[in-house]
Amino acid sequence: MLGAQSITYNLKDSFIVYWAGIYAGFITPGRLGEFLKAVYLMSDKSITLSKGMSSVLIDRVFDLYFLIILGLIGIWKFDILGKLSNTSVLLLLIFISSPLLILNKQLMGKIIGLIYKFVIKKKAQIRDKIDERFEDFYNGINQLITFKLIFSALLTCLSYSVFFIQCYLLAIAMGISINLITITLFMAISNLISFIPISIAGLGTRDATLIYLFSLIGLKPELAVSYAFLVFITFFVCGGLMGAVAWWMKPIKFENGQ
């Protein structure tokens, strides 16, 4: 993605920044801390934060919509939608559509216009700065909309496939009678719920979601809680430790005054 934006970033630094972002995501609600990667780009490559945010946002959109596709398959397969209230369905649709709204330049331009009208009003200096950052962000988005994105999408599919296989192996290690497809759909739904910024590292929301999902196939709540805890230790604690090391190896430096 950075290559499509003509940003040169070596493999070693990319790997370290990726894990530092993972760590920040683990300790913030909804994994919002992963946008720290844009701060690294601003610091290391003297680009605006807005342009850095564009590549990070597209990466998160890939993750989100991959999980949404699998999650919707799971919702259909286990007839979950019919058990949800109208309010829950409406909130789900808003959650699914909101990232695409952010990528719509015309819509966001109108929202910025409303902010100008009711909040900023006549402060021309602030308006000019917002306009500049707005253009930087969407120019960055336009640079990313190429056929190279297909390769990025395939890498997203591959990484999540490895994750789901690992989740399946954890279930087998616990003696849980569940097949790969079912655990894939369950974990897609639980990970999707964890994107909602109401808890740290999905604690609580993941447990509650898995308790409900496991009940659909006759598995006890305590088994779901144990499995959720093992997932947390394996992926979030271990991954967080790797990310903390990456953060220690490459702290953020603000040398360009941005």
Protein backbone atom coordinates (compact mmCIF):
# COMPACT_ATOMS: atom_id res chain seq x y z
CA MET A 1 0.00 0.00 0.00
CA LEU A 2 2.78 2.43 0.87
CA GLY A 3 4.43 1.65 -2.46
CA ALA A 4 1.24 2.71 -4.26
CA GLN A 5 1.56 6.07 -2.46
CA SER A 6 5.25 6.37 -3.45
CA ILE A 7 6.29 6.01 0.20
CA THR A 8 9.46 3.99 0.67
CA TYR A 9 9.53 2.05 3.93
CA ASN A 10 11.93 -0.85 4.44
CA LEU A 11 10.71 -4.30 5.44
CA LYS A 12 12.27 -4.24 8.91
CA ASP A 13 10.67 -0.93 9.91
CA SER A 14 7.36 -1.98 8.37
CA PHE A 15 7.38 -5.15 10.49
CA ILE A 16 8.23 -3.25 13.69
CA VAL A 17 5.63 -0.54 13.05
CA TYR A 18 3.02 -3.19 12.26
CA TRP A 19 3.55 -4.90 15.61
CA ALA A 20 3.72 -1.62 17.50
CA GLY A 21 0.35 -0.76 15.96
CA ILE A 22 -1.01 -4.17 16.96
CA TYR A 23 0.08 -3.51 20.55
CA ALA A 24 -1.58 -0.08 20.58
CA GLY A 25 -4.70 -1.67 19.11
CA PHE A 26 -4.83 -4.28 21.86
CA ILE A 27 -4.81 -1.69 24.65
CA THR A 28 -7.43 0.64 23.10
CA PRO A 29 -11.18 0.14 22.59
CA GLY A 30 -12.13 -1.15 19.15
CA ARG A 31 -8.42 -1.50 18.29
CA LEU A 32 -8.39 2.20 17.43
CA GLY A 33 -4.77 2.38 18.55
CA GLU A 34 -3.73 0.71 15.30
CA PHE A 35 -3.96 4.16 13.73
CA LEU A 36 -0.69 4.79 15.57
CA LYS A 37 0.92 3.45 12.39
CA ALA A 38 -0.06 6.71 10.69
CA VAL A 39 1.85 8.64 13.38
CA TYR A 40 4.94 6.56 12.62
CA LEU A 41 4.61 7.43 8.93
CA MET A 42 4.25 11.11 9.74
CA SER A 43 7.32 10.99 11.97
CA ASP A 44 9.57 8.86 9.73
CA LYS A 45 8.59 10.06 6.27
CA SER A 46 7.60 13.68 6.87
CA ILE A 47 4.15 13.20 5.39
CA THR A 48 0.96 14.60 6.86
CA LEU A 49 -0.96 12.56 9.38
CA SER A 50 -3.94 12.69 7.02
CA LYS A 51 -2.08 10.93 4.23
CA GLY A 52 -0.72 8.36 6.67
CA MET A 53 -4.22 7.71 7.93
CA SER A 54 -5.44 6.85 4.42
CA SER A 55 -3.37 3.67 4.09
CA VAL A 56 -4.10 2.58 7.66
CA LEU A 57 -7.83 3.11 7.14
CA ILE A 58 -7.88 1.06 3.92
CA ASP A 59 -6.04 -1.73 5.76
CA ARG A 60 -8.65 -1.67 8.54
CA VAL A 61 -11.45 -1.64 5.96
CA PHE A 62 -10.04 -4.84 4.42
CA ASP A 63 -10.05 -6.48 7.85
CA LEU A 64 -13.52 -5.24 8.71
CA TYR A 65 -15.25 -6.27 5.50
CA PHE A 66 -13.57 -9.66 5.37
CA LEU A 67 -15.02 -10.30 8.83
CA ILE A 68 -18.36 -8.80 7.80
CA ILE A 69 -18.65 -11.22 4.87
CA LEU A 70 -17.88 -14.24 7.06
CA GLY A 71 -19.98 -12.83 9.89
CA LEU A 72 -23.03 -12.42 7.65
CA ILE A 73 -22.58 -15.99 6.43
CA GLY A 74 -22.52 -17.09 10.07
CA ILE A 75 -25.59 -14.99 10.92
CA TRP A 76 -27.45 -16.59 8.00
CA LYS A 77 -26.26 -20.14 8.75
CA PHE A 78 -27.26 -20.03 12.41
CA ASP A 79 -30.38 -17.90 11.84
CA ILE A 80 -29.16 -15.22 14.23
CA LEU A 81 -30.74 -12.29 12.39
CA GLY A 82 -34.26 -13.56 13.08
CA LYS A 83 -33.49 -13.49 16.80
CA LEU A 84 -32.32 -9.86 16.83
CA SER A 85 -34.55 -6.88 17.60
CA ASN A 86 -35.18 -4.20 14.97
CA THR A 87 -32.93 -1.80 16.90
CA SER A 88 -30.08 -4.33 16.87
CA VAL A 89 -30.48 -4.86 13.13
CA LEU A 90 -30.44 -1.09 12.53
CA LEU A 91 -27.26 -0.67 14.62
CA LEU A 92 -25.68 -3.56 12.71
CA LEU A 93 -26.43 -1.93 9.35
CA ILE A 94 -25.01 1.42 10.54
CA PHE A 95 -21.88 -0.34 11.76
CA ILE A 96 -21.45 -2.13 8.43
CA SER A 97 -21.96 0.98 6.30
CA SER A 98 -20.03 3.55 8.35
CA PRO A 99 -16.52 2.79 6.94
CA LEU A 100 -17.79 3.19 3.39
CA LEU A 101 -19.31 6.54 4.31
CA ILE A 102 -15.89 7.76 5.48
CA LEU A 103 -14.43 6.83 2.08
CA ASN A 104 -17.08 8.90 0.28
CA LYS A 105 -15.39 12.25 -0.39
CA GLN A 106 -18.58 14.09 -1.41
CA LEU A 107 -20.49 13.02 1.69
CA MET A 108 -17.63 13.86 4.03
CA GLY A 109 -17.24 17.20 2.26
CA LYS A 110 -20.85 18.03 3.14
CA ILE A 111 -20.23 17.03 6.77
CA ILE A 112 -17.16 19.27 6.86
CA GLY A 113 -19.32 22.04 5.42
CA LEU A 114 -21.78 21.64 8.29
CA ILE A 115 -18.91 21.83 10.76
CA TYR A 116 -17.79 25.07 9.13
CA LYS A 117 -21.30 26.46 9.33
CA PHE A 118 -22.17 25.63 12.93
CA VAL A 119 -18.82 25.22 14.71
CA ILE A 120 -15.85 26.88 13.00
CA LYS A 121 -17.78 29.64 11.19
CA LYS A 122 -15.43 32.50 10.26
CA LYS A 123 -12.10 31.09 11.47
CA ALA A 124 -10.46 31.04 8.03
CA GLN A 125 -7.08 29.77 9.19
CA ILE A 126 -8.59 26.66 10.77
CA ARG A 127 -10.80 26.08 7.73
CA ASP A 128 -7.82 26.27 5.37
CA LYS A 129 -5.90 23.77 7.49
CA ILE A 130 -8.83 21.35 7.56
CA ASP A 131 -9.27 21.68 3.79
CA GLU A 132 -5.60 20.90 3.25
CA ARG A 133 -5.72 17.80 5.47
CA PHE A 134 -8.98 16.74 3.84
CA GLU A 135 -7.39 16.84 0.39
CA ASP A 136 -4.27 15.02 1.62
CA PHE A 137 -6.40 12.20 3.01
CA TYR A 138 -8.48 11.69 -0.12
CA ASN A 139 -5.48 12.07 -2.43
CA GLY A 140 -3.92 9.26 -0.43
CA ILE A 141 -7.08 7.18 -0.86
CA ASN A 142 -7.07 7.80 -4.64
CA GLN A 143 -3.45 6.66 -4.87
CA LEU A 144 -4.41 3.37 -3.24
CA ILE A 145 -7.31 2.57 -5.56
CA THR A 146 -5.32 0.44 -8.01
CA PHE A 147 -5.14 -3.21 -9.04
CA LYS A 148 -2.40 -3.64 -6.42
CA LEU A 149 -5.15 -3.59 -3.81
CA ILE A 150 -6.13 -7.08 -4.98
CA PHE A 151 -2.80 -8.37 -3.68
CA SER A 152 -3.42 -6.65 -0.34
CA ALA A 153 -6.88 -8.22 -0.16
CA LEU A 154 -5.41 -11.67 -0.81
CA LEU A 155 -2.86 -11.16 1.96
CA THR A 156 -5.72 -10.24 4.31
CA CYS A 157 -7.53 -13.46 3.39
CA LEU A 158 -4.34 -15.48 3.93
CA SER A 159 -3.57 -13.95 7.33
CA TYR A 160 -7.11 -14.52 8.59
CA SER A 161 -7.07 -18.09 7.25
CA VAL A 162 -4.00 -18.78 9.40
CA PHE A 163 -5.75 -17.17 12.38
CA PHE A 164 -8.89 -19.29 11.97
CA ILE A 165 -6.85 -22.48 11.63
CA GLN A 166 -5.06 -21.57 14.86
CA CYS A 167 -8.43 -21.02 16.55
CA TYR A 168 -9.55 -24.44 15.35
CA LEU A 169 -6.39 -26.05 16.74
CA LEU A 170 -7.02 -24.37 20.10
CA ALA A 171 -10.53 -25.84 20.12
CA ILE A 172 -9.15 -29.29 19.31
CA ALA A 173 -6.56 -28.93 22.11
CA MET A 174 -9.42 -28.22 24.55
CA GLY A 175 -11.36 -31.24 23.32
CA ILE A 176 -14.18 -29.11 21.93
CA SER A 177 -16.22 -30.96 19.33
CA ILE A 178 -16.48 -28.35 16.58
CA ASN A 179 -15.53 -28.24 12.91
CA LEU A 180 -13.28 -25.73 11.15
CA ILE A 181 -16.10 -23.95 9.31
CA THR A 182 -18.15 -23.45 12.46
CA ILE A 183 -15.27 -22.09 14.55
CA THR A 184 -14.29 -19.83 11.62
CA LEU A 185 -17.78 -18.32 11.49
CA PHE A 186 -17.96 -18.02 15.28
CA MET A 187 -14.60 -16.26 15.51
CA ALA A 188 -15.47 -13.97 12.58
CA ILE A 189 -18.64 -12.87 14.39
CA SER A 190 -16.87 -12.42 17.75
CA ASN A 191 -13.99 -10.49 16.16
CA LEU A 192 -16.50 -8.30 14.34
CA ILE A 193 -18.23 -7.50 17.63
CA SER A 194 -14.85 -6.68 19.20
CA PHE A 195 -14.44 -3.84 16.67
CA ILE A 196 -17.15 -1.95 18.56
CA PRO A 197 -15.15 0.42 20.82
CA ILE A 198 -16.66 -0.56 24.17
CA SER A 199 -13.94 -2.76 25.66
CA ILE A 200 -10.19 -3.33 25.68
CA ALA A 201 -8.97 -6.23 23.47
CA GLY A 202 -12.57 -7.45 23.17
CA LEU A 203 -12.68 -8.51 26.83
CA GLY A 204 -16.25 -9.21 27.86
CA THR A 205 -17.75 -8.72 24.41
CA ARG A 206 -15.87 -11.72 22.99
CA ASP A 207 -16.83 -13.87 25.99
CA ALA A 208 -20.50 -12.91 25.78
CA THR A 209 -20.59 -13.46 22.02
CA LEU A 210 -18.95 -16.88 22.23
CA ILE A 211 -21.25 -17.94 25.09
CA TYR A 212 -24.22 -17.18 22.86
CA LEU A 213 -22.71 -18.78 19.75
CA PHE A 214 -21.56 -21.91 21.57
CA SER A 215 -25.08 -22.31 22.97
CA LEU A 216 -26.40 -22.56 19.41
CA ILE A 217 -24.58 -25.88 18.99
CA GLY A 218 -25.22 -27.15 22.51
CA LEU A 219 -21.90 -26.23 24.15
CA LYS A 220 -21.88 -25.06 27.78
CA PRO A 221 -21.18 -21.42 28.77
CA GLU A 222 -18.16 -22.33 30.91
CA LEU A 223 -16.58 -23.99 27.87
CA ALA A 224 -17.08 -20.80 25.87
CA VAL A 225 -15.52 -18.68 28.64
CA SER A 226 -12.53 -21.02 28.88
CA TYR A 227 -12.06 -20.95 25.13
CA ALA A 228 -12.37 -17.14 25.00
CA PHE A 229 -9.75 -16.87 27.76
CA LEU A 230 -7.37 -19.18 25.85
CA VAL A 231 -7.85 -17.09 22.70
CA PHE A 232 -7.11 -13.95 24.70
CA ILE A 233 -3.90 -15.40 26.16
CA THR A 234 -2.69 -16.90 22.87
CA PHE A 235 -3.34 -14.02 20.52
CA PHE A 236 -3.74 -10.88 22.58
CA VAL A 237 -1.34 -11.34 25.47
CA CYS A 238 1.39 -13.05 23.42
CA GLY A 239 0.83 -10.72 20.46
CA GLY A 240 0.73 -7.73 22.79
CA LEU A 241 4.09 -8.68 24.27
CA MET A 242 5.60 -8.86 20.78
CA GLY A 243 4.06 -5.47 20.01
CA ALA A 244 5.41 -3.98 23.24
CA VAL A 245 8.92 -5.10 22.25
CA ALA A 246 8.42 -3.49 18.82
CA TRP A 247 7.28 -0.26 20.51
CA TRP A 248 10.38 -0.34 22.72
CA MET A 249 12.64 -0.95 19.70
CA LYS A 250 11.16 1.94 17.72
CA PRO A 251 9.65 4.70 19.84
CA ILE A 252 7.88 7.51 18.01
CA LYS A 253 10.04 10.56 17.37
CA PHE A 254 8.69 13.95 16.33
CA GLU A 255 11.59 15.64 14.62
CA ASN A 256 9.82 17.47 11.83
CA GLY A 257 7.61 19.62 14.04
CA GLN A 258 4.34 18.19 12.77
